[in-house]
Amino acid sequence: RRHWSADEAGASEGASPGAWTLNTLDNGMVSEERWTTVDAADDLSWAVLHYSGAARRAGQSYVGALLCTADGQWPADCRSGEGLERIRRAF
């Protein structure tokens, strides 16, 4: 089982609320990712996060977004209507 140690990962707050930077060391390659919270339910039952990162020595960069929920399932109240549209806009 693989685990991250303090020597391999670190996080710092970003310049604004809901933003942070994550740095990781994986097989000698340093990656830096910038994460932002795009939107979230008022009760925090779901959140949409955006990330962009780079492994400069490898010449790689990437972007992506995640819909995060406590159980990994699509939020029941967001299958249609305004909840669904809110998540769509976040992506």
Protein backbone atom coordinates (compact mmCIF):
# COMPACT_ATOMS: atom_id res chain seq x y z
CA ARG A 1 0.00 0.00 0.00
CA ARG A 2 1.41 3.37 -1.03
CA HIS A 3 1.14 6.39 1.22
CA TRP A 4 2.28 9.98 0.98
CA SER A 5 4.79 11.31 3.45
CA ALA A 6 5.42 14.89 4.46
CA ASP A 7 8.54 14.80 2.28
CA GLU A 8 6.47 14.02 -0.83
CA ALA A 9 3.52 16.41 -0.60
CA GLY A 10 2.70 19.84 0.68
CA ALA A 11 -0.13 22.33 0.45
CA SER A 12 -0.36 26.06 0.88
CA GLU A 13 -3.21 28.52 0.83
CA GLY A 14 -3.78 30.43 -2.38
CA ALA A 15 -4.10 34.14 -2.87
CA SER A 16 -7.87 34.08 -2.34
CA PRO A 17 -10.37 32.06 -0.28
CA GLY A 18 -11.15 28.69 -1.88
CA ALA A 19 -7.77 28.48 -3.62
CA TRP A 20 -4.69 26.49 -2.70
CA THR A 21 -1.53 25.02 -4.19
CA LEU A 22 -0.53 21.36 -3.85
CA ASN A 23 3.06 20.25 -4.50
CA THR A 24 3.94 16.58 -4.82
CA LEU A 25 7.08 14.55 -5.41
CA ASP A 26 6.45 11.31 -7.30
CA ASN A 27 9.35 9.16 -8.54
CA GLY A 28 11.68 12.16 -8.44
CA MET A 29 9.28 14.37 -10.43
CA VAL A 30 7.89 17.50 -8.77
CA SER A 31 4.35 18.52 -9.72
CA GLU A 32 2.69 21.78 -8.76
CA GLU A 33 -1.11 21.99 -8.89
CA ARG A 34 -3.33 25.00 -8.35
CA TRP A 35 -6.79 24.14 -7.03
CA THR A 36 -9.86 26.36 -6.74
CA THR A 37 -13.36 25.81 -5.44
CA VAL A 38 -15.65 26.75 -8.34
CA ASP A 39 -19.01 26.19 -6.61
CA ALA A 40 -20.48 24.26 -3.70
CA ALA A 41 -23.89 23.50 -2.24
CA ASP A 42 -24.92 25.74 0.63
CA ASP A 43 -24.82 22.69 2.94
CA LEU A 44 -21.49 21.52 1.40
CA SER A 45 -23.08 18.23 0.28
CA TRP A 46 -21.23 18.70 -3.02
CA ALA A 47 -18.47 20.87 -4.43
CA VAL A 48 -16.94 21.41 -7.87
CA LEU A 49 -13.16 21.84 -7.78
CA HIS A 50 -10.90 22.88 -10.67
CA TYR A 51 -7.20 22.09 -10.90
CA SER A 52 -4.33 22.89 -13.23
CA GLY A 53 -0.85 21.57 -12.85
CA ALA A 54 2.51 20.91 -14.39
CA ALA A 55 5.39 18.51 -14.09
CA ARG A 56 7.90 20.87 -15.61
CA ARG A 57 10.84 18.50 -15.92
CA ALA A 58 8.63 16.12 -17.89
CA GLY A 59 7.20 18.93 -20.01
CA GLN A 60 3.65 18.02 -19.00
CA SER A 61 0.73 20.20 -18.02
CA TYR A 62 -2.88 19.32 -17.34
CA VAL A 63 -6.24 20.71 -16.24
CA GLY A 64 -9.37 19.11 -14.87
CA ALA A 65 -12.38 19.42 -12.63
CA LEU A 66 -14.05 17.21 -10.04
CA LEU A 67 -17.55 16.95 -8.65
CA CYS A 68 -17.01 15.88 -5.03
CA THR A 69 -19.64 14.36 -2.73
CA ALA A 70 -19.32 12.48 0.55
CA ASP A 71 -20.43 9.15 -0.98
CA GLY A 72 -19.13 9.61 -4.53
CA GLN A 73 -22.63 9.61 -5.97
CA TRP A 74 -24.30 12.33 -8.03
CA PRO A 75 -26.28 14.59 -5.65
CA ALA A 76 -29.92 13.45 -5.65
CA ASP A 77 -31.28 17.00 -5.65
CA CYS A 78 -29.12 17.93 -8.67
CA ARG A 79 -30.39 15.39 -11.19
CA SER A 80 -32.49 18.09 -12.87
CA GLY A 81 -33.51 21.70 -12.52
CA GLU A 82 -31.44 24.46 -10.99
CA GLY A 83 -29.12 22.09 -9.11
CA LEU A 84 -28.09 20.36 -12.35
CA GLU A 85 -27.66 23.69 -14.15
CA ARG A 86 -25.49 25.00 -11.33
CA ILE A 87 -23.14 22.02 -11.62
CA ARG A 88 -23.08 22.31 -15.42
CA ARG A 89 -22.11 25.99 -15.19
CA ALA A 90 -19.29 25.11 -12.79
CA PHE A 91 -17.75 22.81 -15.38
